[in-house]
Amino acid sequence: MSDHRPKRPTWDCAVCAQPYPCPEARAAIATSDPWAAATYLAGQFVIAVNDLPAVPVIDLYARFLLSVPLRARRSKHPHQR
């Protein structure tokens, strides 16, 4: 993972002060295992919802769960060609 991590309770990046996940964090997260990244972002979303009650949940959903493109790696089944 990147050094770009959330600073609570503001949920700004501890390195660049942009809203977390910042572009650098998004890029790093997008290159990790898709399931691990999705689990991580979902957990961060839940914590951010509690830390930022004034921010609409839909905005946090977009920020955490829609901002990072995740693609599942497809492994071929042994019997597929």
PDB file of N, CA and C in Angstrom:
ATOM      1  N   MET A   1       0.826  -1.181   0.000  1.00  0.00           N
ATOM      2  CA  MET A   1       0.000   0.000   0.000  1.00  0.00           C
ATOM      3  C   MET A   1       0.872   1.247   0.000  1.00  0.00           C
ATOM      4  N   SER A   2       0.245   2.325  -0.259  1.00  0.00           N
ATOM      5  CA  SER A   2       0.906   3.619  -0.364  1.00  0.00           C
ATOM      6  C   SER A   2       1.053   4.278   1.005  1.00  0.00           C
ATOM      7  N   ASP A   3       1.915   5.286   1.072  1.00  0.00           N
ATOM      8  CA  ASP A   3       2.020   6.102   2.291  1.00  0.00           C
ATOM      9  C   ASP A   3       0.814   7.029   2.430  1.00  0.00           C
ATOM     10  N   HIS A   4       0.054   7.147   1.366  1.00  0.00           N
ATOM     11  CA  HIS A   4      -1.131   8.004   1.381  1.00  0.00           C
ATOM     12  C   HIS A   4      -2.252   7.265   2.099  1.00  0.00           C
ATOM     13  N   ARG A   5      -2.453   7.651   3.351  1.00  0.00           N
ATOM     14  CA  ARG A   5      -3.433   7.002   4.221  1.00  0.00           C
ATOM     15  C   ARG A   5      -4.361   8.055   4.821  1.00  0.00           C
ATOM     16  N   PRO A   6      -5.532   7.613   5.303  1.00  0.00           N
ATOM     17  CA  PRO A   6      -6.461   8.590   5.874  1.00  0.00           C
ATOM     18  C   PRO A   6      -6.015   9.103   7.228  1.00  0.00           C
ATOM     19  N   LYS A   7      -6.274  10.369   7.443  1.00  0.00           N
ATOM     20  CA  LYS A   7      -6.044  11.001   8.749  1.00  0.00           C
ATOM     21  C   LYS A   7      -7.418  11.227   9.353  1.00  0.00           C
ATOM     22  N   ARG A   8      -7.670  10.536  10.434  1.00  0.00           N
ATOM     23  CA  ARG A   8      -8.976  10.659  11.081  1.00  0.00           C
ATOM     24  C   ARG A   8      -8.933  11.739  12.141  1.00  0.00           C
ATOM     25  N   PRO A   9     -10.012  12.413  12.385  1.00  0.00           N
ATOM     26  CA  PRO A   9     -11.374  12.177  11.916  1.00  0.00           C
ATOM     27  C   PRO A   9     -11.742  12.972  10.668  1.00  0.00           C
ATOM     28  N   THR A  10     -10.784  13.667  10.052  1.00  0.00           N
ATOM     29  CA  THR A  10     -11.122  14.514   8.898  1.00  0.00           C
ATOM     30  C   THR A  10     -11.242  13.720   7.603  1.00  0.00           C
ATOM     31  N   TRP A  11     -10.603  12.584   7.536  1.00  0.00           N
ATOM     32  CA  TRP A  11     -10.567  11.744   6.341  1.00  0.00           C
ATOM     33  C   TRP A  11      -9.914  12.447   5.164  1.00  0.00           C
ATOM     34  N   ASP A  12      -8.906  13.260   5.497  1.00  0.00           N
ATOM     35  CA  ASP A  12      -8.021  13.805   4.477  1.00  0.00           C
ATOM     36  C   ASP A  12      -6.784  12.923   4.461  1.00  0.00           C
ATOM     37  N   CYS A  13      -6.069  12.938   3.352  1.00  0.00           N
ATOM     38  CA  CYS A  13      -4.848  12.154   3.243  1.00  0.00           C
ATOM     39  C   CYS A  13      -3.789  12.746   4.178  1.00  0.00           C
ATOM     40  N   ALA A  14      -3.097  11.882   4.892  1.00  0.00           N
ATOM     41  CA  ALA A  14      -2.063  12.319   5.828  1.00  0.00           C
ATOM     42  C   ALA A  14      -0.847  12.897   5.103  1.00  0.00           C
ATOM     43  N   VAL A  15      -0.675  12.582   3.823  1.00  0.00           N
ATOM     44  CA  VAL A  15       0.488  13.059   3.069  1.00  0.00           C
ATOM     45  C   VAL A  15       0.170  14.322   2.269  1.00  0.00           C
ATOM     46  N   CYS A  16      -0.905  14.277   1.485  1.00  0.00           N
ATOM     47  CA  CYS A  16      -1.172  15.394   0.562  1.00  0.00           C
ATOM     48  C   CYS A  16      -2.378  16.250   0.955  1.00  0.00           C
ATOM     49  N   ALA A  17      -3.075  15.882   2.012  1.00  0.00           N
ATOM     50  CA  ALA A  17      -4.212  16.633   2.564  1.00  0.00           C
ATOM     51  C   ALA A  17      -5.440  16.681   1.651  1.00  0.00           C
ATOM     52  N   GLN A  18      -5.463  15.901   0.592  1.00  0.00           N
ATOM     53  CA  GLN A  18      -6.656  15.795  -0.242  1.00  0.00           C
ATOM     54  C   GLN A  18      -7.639  14.828   0.412  1.00  0.00           C
ATOM     55  N   PRO A  19      -8.906  14.889   0.045  1.00  0.00           N
ATOM     56  CA  PRO A  19      -9.862  13.930   0.600  1.00  0.00           C
ATOM     57  C   PRO A  19      -9.417  12.496   0.287  1.00  0.00           C
ATOM     58  N   TYR A  20      -9.441  11.661   1.329  1.00  0.00           N
ATOM     59  CA  TYR A  20      -9.034  10.272   1.162  1.00  0.00           C
ATOM     60  C   TYR A  20     -10.200   9.438   0.654  1.00  0.00           C
ATOM     61  N   PRO A  21      -9.985   8.545  -0.298  1.00  0.00           N
ATOM     62  CA  PRO A  21      -8.714   8.202  -0.929  1.00  0.00           C
ATOM     63  C   PRO A  21      -8.326   9.220  -2.004  1.00  0.00           C
ATOM     64  N   CYS A  22      -7.133   9.754  -1.853  1.00  0.00           N
ATOM     65  CA  CYS A  22      -6.588  10.726  -2.794  1.00  0.00           C
ATOM     66  C   CYS A  22      -6.193   9.987  -4.083  1.00  0.00           C
ATOM     67  N   PRO A  23      -5.857  10.704  -5.131  1.00  0.00           N
ATOM     68  CA  PRO A  23      -5.480  10.035  -6.386  1.00  0.00           C
ATOM     69  C   PRO A  23      -4.345   9.015  -6.225  1.00  0.00           C
ATOM     70  N   GLU A  24      -3.350   9.334  -5.408  1.00  0.00           N
ATOM     71  CA  GLU A  24      -2.245   8.404  -5.203  1.00  0.00           C
ATOM     72  C   GLU A  24      -2.710   7.142  -4.483  1.00  0.00           C
ATOM     73  N   ALA A  25      -3.561   7.295  -3.482  1.00  0.00           N
ATOM     74  CA  ALA A  25      -4.098   6.136  -2.763  1.00  0.00           C
ATOM     75  C   ALA A  25      -4.986   5.313  -3.688  1.00  0.00           C
ATOM     76  N   ARG A  26      -5.817   5.974  -4.508  1.00  0.00           N
ATOM     77  CA  ARG A  26      -6.667   5.251  -5.451  1.00  0.00           C
ATOM     78  C   ARG A  26      -5.834   4.413  -6.410  1.00  0.00           C
ATOM     79  N   ALA A  27      -4.755   4.989  -6.902  1.00  0.00           N
ATOM     80  CA  ALA A  27      -3.894   4.257  -7.830  1.00  0.00           C
ATOM     81  C   ALA A  27      -3.274   3.036  -7.156  1.00  0.00           C
ATOM     82  N   ALA A  28      -2.821   3.206  -5.930  1.00  0.00           N
ATOM     83  CA  ALA A  28      -2.218   2.085  -5.209  1.00  0.00           C
ATOM     84  C   ALA A  28      -3.253   1.007  -4.895  1.00  0.00           C
ATOM     85  N   ILE A  29      -4.432   1.424  -4.472  1.00  0.00           N
ATOM     86  CA  ILE A  29      -5.492   0.467  -4.142  1.00  0.00           C
ATOM     87  C   ILE A  29      -5.922  -0.296  -5.390  1.00  0.00           C
ATOM     88  N   ALA A  30      -6.011   0.389  -6.518  1.00  0.00           N
ATOM     89  CA  ALA A  30      -6.456  -0.232  -7.762  1.00  0.00           C
ATOM     90  C   ALA A  30      -5.510  -1.322  -8.239  1.00  0.00           C
ATOM     91  N   THR A  31      -4.253  -1.264  -7.829  1.00  0.00           N
ATOM     92  CA  THR A  31      -3.290  -2.279  -8.270  1.00  0.00           C
ATOM     93  C   THR A  31      -3.236  -3.485  -7.340  1.00  0.00           C
ATOM     94  N   SER A  32      -3.923  -3.408  -6.198  1.00  0.00           N
ATOM     95  CA  SER A  32      -3.900  -4.529  -5.262  1.00  0.00           C
ATOM     96  C   SER A  32      -4.958  -5.558  -5.644  1.00  0.00           C
ATOM     97  N   ASP A  33      -5.001  -6.647  -4.918  1.00  0.00           N
ATOM     98  CA  ASP A  33      -5.989  -7.690  -5.147  1.00  0.00           C
ATOM     99  C   ASP A  33      -7.389  -7.080  -5.073  1.00  0.00           C
ATOM    100  N   PRO A  34      -8.231  -7.308  -6.067  1.00  0.00           N
ATOM    101  CA  PRO A  34      -9.546  -6.656  -6.093  1.00  0.00           C
ATOM    102  C   PRO A  34     -10.415  -6.971  -4.881  1.00  0.00           C
ATOM    103  N   TRP A  35     -10.391  -8.187  -4.399  1.00  0.00           N
ATOM    104  CA  TRP A  35     -11.225  -8.540  -3.245  1.00  0.00           C
ATOM    105  C   TRP A  35     -10.708  -7.873  -1.976  1.00  0.00           C
ATOM    106  N   ALA A  36      -9.400  -7.856  -1.812  1.00  0.00           N
ATOM    107  CA  ALA A  36      -8.817  -7.191  -0.645  1.00  0.00           C
ATOM    108  C   ALA A  36      -9.088  -5.689  -0.703  1.00  0.00           C
ATOM    109  N   ALA A  37      -8.963  -5.104  -1.889  1.00  0.00           N
ATOM    110  CA  ALA A  37      -9.209  -3.670  -2.051  1.00  0.00           C
ATOM    111  C   ALA A  37     -10.666  -3.332  -1.751  1.00  0.00           C
ATOM    112  N   ALA A  38     -11.584  -4.141  -2.257  1.00  0.00           N
ATOM    113  CA  ALA A  38     -13.009  -3.898  -2.009  1.00  0.00           C
ATOM    114  C   ALA A  38     -13.329  -4.017  -0.526  1.00  0.00           C
ATOM    115  N   THR A  39     -12.762  -5.002   0.128  1.00  0.00           N
ATOM    116  CA  THR A  39     -12.983  -5.191   1.566  1.00  0.00           C
ATOM    117  C   THR A  39     -12.421  -4.010   2.346  1.00  0.00           C
ATOM    118  N   TYR A  40     -11.219  -3.585   1.989  1.00  0.00           N
ATOM    119  CA  TYR A  40     -10.583  -2.443   2.650  1.00  0.00           C
ATOM    120  C   TYR A  40     -11.429  -1.185   2.487  1.00  0.00           C
ATOM    121  N   LEU A  41     -11.851  -0.901   1.248  1.00  0.00           N
ATOM    122  CA  LEU A  41     -12.621   0.312   0.987  1.00  0.00           C
ATOM    123  C   LEU A  41     -13.983   0.277   1.669  1.00  0.00           C
ATOM    124  N   ALA A  42     -14.603  -0.879   1.711  1.00  0.00           N
ATOM    125  CA  ALA A  42     -15.898  -0.995   2.402  1.00  0.00           C
ATOM    126  C   ALA A  42     -15.732  -0.716   3.890  1.00  0.00           C
ATOM    127  N   GLY A  43     -14.683  -1.232   4.483  1.00  0.00           N
ATOM    128  CA  GLY A  43     -14.417  -0.973   5.897  1.00  0.00           C
ATOM    129  C   GLY A  43     -14.132   0.492   6.167  1.00  0.00           C
ATOM    130  N   GLN A  44     -13.345   1.108   5.296  1.00  0.00           N
ATOM    131  CA  GLN A  44     -13.035   2.526   5.456  1.00  0.00           C
ATOM    132  C   GLN A  44     -14.303   3.372   5.292  1.00  0.00           C
ATOM    133  N   PHE A  45     -15.161   2.981   4.364  1.00  0.00           N
ATOM    134  CA  PHE A  45     -16.430   3.670   4.153  1.00  0.00           C
ATOM    135  C   PHE A  45     -17.272   3.665   5.426  1.00  0.00           C
ATOM    136  N   VAL A  46     -17.400   2.509   6.056  1.00  0.00           N
ATOM    137  CA  VAL A  46     -18.211   2.395   7.274  1.00  0.00           C
ATOM    138  C   VAL A  46     -17.655   3.292   8.382  1.00  0.00           C
ATOM    139  N   ILE A  47     -16.347   3.294   8.549  1.00  0.00           N
ATOM    140  CA  ILE A  47     -15.725   4.126   9.584  1.00  0.00           C
ATOM    141  C   ILE A  47     -15.926   5.606   9.258  1.00  0.00           C
ATOM    142  N   ALA A  48     -15.759   5.970   7.979  1.00  0.00           N
ATOM    143  CA  ALA A  48     -15.928   7.373   7.578  1.00  0.00           C
ATOM    144  C   ALA A  48     -17.359   7.845   7.786  1.00  0.00           C
ATOM    145  N   VAL A  49     -18.331   6.982   7.532  1.00  0.00           N
ATOM    146  CA  VAL A  49     -19.730   7.356   7.763  1.00  0.00           C
ATOM    147  C   VAL A  49     -19.931   7.740   9.224  1.00  0.00           C
ATOM    148  N   ASN A  50     -19.305   7.007  10.129  1.00  0.00           N
ATOM    149  CA  ASN A  50     -19.418   7.318  11.555  1.00  0.00           C
ATOM    150  C   ASN A  50     -18.645   8.575  11.937  1.00  0.00           C
ATOM    151  N   ASP A  51     -17.486   8.786  11.315  1.00  0.00           N
ATOM    152  CA  ASP A  51     -16.662   9.956  11.636  1.00  0.00           C
ATOM    153  C   ASP A  51     -17.186  11.250  11.023  1.00  0.00           C
ATOM    154  N   LEU A  52     -17.908  11.143   9.918  1.00  0.00           N
ATOM    155  CA  LEU A  52     -18.337  12.328   9.166  1.00  0.00           C
ATOM    156  C   LEU A  52     -19.861  12.377   9.029  1.00  0.00           C
ATOM    157  N   PRO A  53     -20.578  12.523  10.147  1.00  0.00           N
ATOM    158  CA  PRO A  53     -22.049  12.489  10.076  1.00  0.00           C
ATOM    159  C   PRO A  53     -22.652  13.626   9.259  1.00  0.00           C
ATOM    160  N   ALA A  54     -21.939  14.720   9.052  1.00  0.00           N
ATOM    161  CA  ALA A  54     -22.475  15.845   8.284  1.00  0.00           C
ATOM    162  C   ALA A  54     -22.354  15.626   6.772  1.00  0.00           C
ATOM    163  N   VAL A  55     -21.555  14.648   6.362  1.00  0.00           N
ATOM    164  CA  VAL A  55     -21.372  14.379   4.936  1.00  0.00           C
ATOM    165  C   VAL A  55     -22.433  13.364   4.499  1.00  0.00           C
ATOM    166  N   PRO A  56     -23.163  13.652   3.432  1.00  0.00           N
ATOM    167  CA  PRO A  56     -24.168  12.698   2.969  1.00  0.00           C
ATOM    168  C   PRO A  56     -23.545  11.331   2.659  1.00  0.00           C
ATOM    169  N   VAL A  57     -24.231  10.294   3.085  1.00  0.00           N
ATOM    170  CA  VAL A  57     -23.723   8.932   2.897  1.00  0.00           C
ATOM    171  C   VAL A  57     -23.481   8.632   1.425  1.00  0.00           C
ATOM    172  N   ILE A  58     -24.332   9.129   0.562  1.00  0.00           N
ATOM    173  CA  ILE A  58     -24.163   8.885  -0.875  1.00  0.00           C
ATOM    174  C   ILE A  58     -22.845   9.477  -1.377  1.00  0.00           C
ATOM    175  N   ASP A  59     -22.434  10.616  -0.818  1.00  0.00           N
ATOM    176  CA  ASP A  59     -21.153  11.219  -1.208  1.00  0.00           C
ATOM    177  C   ASP A  59     -19.987  10.347  -0.747  1.00  0.00           C
ATOM    178  N   LEU A  60     -20.090   9.829   0.477  1.00  0.00           N
ATOM    179  CA  LEU A  60     -19.031   8.952   0.965  1.00  0.00           C
ATOM    180  C   LEU A  60     -18.997   7.634   0.191  1.00  0.00           C
ATOM    181  N   TYR A  61     -20.175   7.139  -0.159  1.00  0.00           N
ATOM    182  CA  TYR A  61     -20.246   5.920  -0.976  1.00  0.00           C
ATOM    183  C   TYR A  61     -19.500   6.129  -2.292  1.00  0.00           C
ATOM    184  N   ALA A  62     -19.767   7.233  -2.957  1.00  0.00           N
ATOM    185  CA  ALA A  62     -19.087   7.534  -4.218  1.00  0.00           C
ATOM    186  C   ALA A  62     -17.587   7.695  -4.003  1.00  0.00           C
ATOM    187  N   ARG A  63     -17.229   8.361  -2.937  1.00  0.00           N
ATOM    188  CA  ARG A  63     -15.818   8.630  -2.638  1.00  0.00           C
ATOM    189  C   ARG A  63     -15.031   7.349  -2.368  1.00  0.00           C
ATOM    190  N   PHE A  64     -15.614   6.427  -1.618  1.00  0.00           N
ATOM    191  CA  PHE A  64     -14.889   5.222  -1.227  1.00  0.00           C
ATOM    192  C   PHE A  64     -15.141   4.027  -2.134  1.00  0.00           C
ATOM    193  N   LEU A  65     -16.352   3.856  -2.578  1.00  0.00           N
ATOM    194  CA  LEU A  65     -16.678   2.609  -3.264  1.00  0.00           C
ATOM    195  C   LEU A  65     -16.825   2.746  -4.771  1.00  0.00           C
ATOM    196  N   LEU A  66     -16.949   3.945  -5.276  1.00  0.00           N
ATOM    197  CA  LEU A  66     -17.057   4.122  -6.721  1.00  0.00           C
ATOM    198  C   LEU A  66     -15.829   4.780  -7.344  1.00  0.00           C
ATOM    199  N   SER A  67     -14.955   5.312  -6.519  1.00  0.00           N
ATOM    200  CA  SER A  67     -13.834   6.093  -7.062  1.00  0.00           C
ATOM    201  C   SER A  67     -12.644   5.247  -7.478  1.00  0.00           C
ATOM    202  N   VAL A  68     -12.585   4.001  -7.026  1.00  0.00           N
ATOM    203  CA  VAL A  68     -11.439   3.147  -7.342  1.00  0.00           C
ATOM    204  C   VAL A  68     -11.899   2.039  -8.283  1.00  0.00           C
ATOM    205  N   PRO A  69     -11.368   2.016  -9.507  1.00  0.00           N
ATOM    206  CA  PRO A  69     -11.767   0.953 -10.430  1.00  0.00           C
ATOM    207  C   PRO A  69     -11.144  -0.379 -10.013  1.00  0.00           C
ATOM    208  N   LEU A  70     -11.998  -1.335  -9.714  1.00  0.00           N
ATOM    209  CA  LEU A  70     -11.518  -2.661  -9.319  1.00  0.00           C
ATOM    210  C   LEU A  70     -11.976  -3.671 -10.352  1.00  0.00           C
ATOM    211  N   ARG A  71     -11.059  -4.474 -10.790  1.00  0.00           N
ATOM    212  CA  ARG A  71     -11.400  -5.506 -11.772  1.00  0.00           C
ATOM    213  C   ARG A  71     -11.006  -6.855 -11.198  1.00  0.00           C
ATOM    214  N   ALA A  72     -11.972  -7.723 -11.144  1.00  0.00           N
ATOM    215  CA  ALA A  72     -11.692  -9.072 -10.648  1.00  0.00           C
ATOM    216  C   ALA A  72     -10.775  -9.776 -11.639  1.00  0.00           C
ATOM    217  N   ARG A  73      -9.785 -10.419 -11.102  1.00  0.00           N
ATOM    218  CA  ARG A  73      -8.913 -11.229 -11.946  1.00  0.00           C
ATOM    219  C   ARG A  73      -9.625 -12.531 -12.231  1.00  0.00           C
ATOM    220  N   ARG A  74      -9.707 -12.848 -13.483  1.00  0.00           N
ATOM    221  CA  ARG A  74     -10.365 -14.096 -13.853  1.00  0.00           C
ATOM    222  C   ARG A  74      -9.329 -15.184 -14.001  1.00  0.00           C
ATOM    223  N   SER A  75      -9.558 -16.241 -13.278  1.00  0.00           N
ATOM    224  CA  SER A  75      -8.681 -17.388 -13.457  1.00  0.00           C
ATOM    225  C   SER A  75      -9.446 -18.412 -14.276  1.00  0.00           C
ATOM    226  N   LYS A  76      -8.785 -18.966 -15.238  1.00  0.00           N
ATOM    227  CA  LYS A  76      -9.432 -19.937 -16.093  1.00  0.00           C
ATOM    228  C   LYS A  76      -9.701 -21.211 -15.300  1.00  0.00           C
ATOM    229  N   HIS A  77     -10.880 -21.709 -15.492  1.00  0.00           N
ATOM    230  CA  HIS A  77     -11.212 -23.001 -14.912  1.00  0.00           C
ATOM    231  C   HIS A  77     -10.367 -24.032 -15.656  1.00  0.00           C
ATOM    232  N   PRO A  78      -9.860 -25.071 -14.981  1.00  0.00           N
ATOM    233  CA  PRO A  78      -8.984 -26.042 -15.650  1.00  0.00           C
ATOM    234  C   PRO A  78      -9.612 -26.679 -16.887  1.00  0.00           C
ATOM    235  N   HIS A  79     -10.930 -26.704 -16.979  1.00  0.00           N
ATOM    236  CA  HIS A  79     -11.579 -27.359 -18.104  1.00  0.00           C
ATOM    237  C   HIS A  79     -12.023 -26.368 -19.180  1.00  0.00           C
ATOM    238  N   GLN A  80     -11.712 -25.067 -18.983  1.00  0.00           N
ATOM    239  CA  GLN A  80     -12.042 -24.070 -19.998  1.00  0.00           C
ATOM    240  C   GLN A  80     -10.896 -23.952 -20.991  1.00  0.00           C
ATOM    241  N   ARG A  81     -11.235 -23.562 -22.182  1.00  0.00           N
ATOM    242  CA  ARG A  81     -10.192 -23.349 -23.198  1.00  0.00           C
ATOM    243  C   ARG A  81      -9.964 -21.895 -23.420  1.00  0.00           C
TER     244      ARG A  81
END
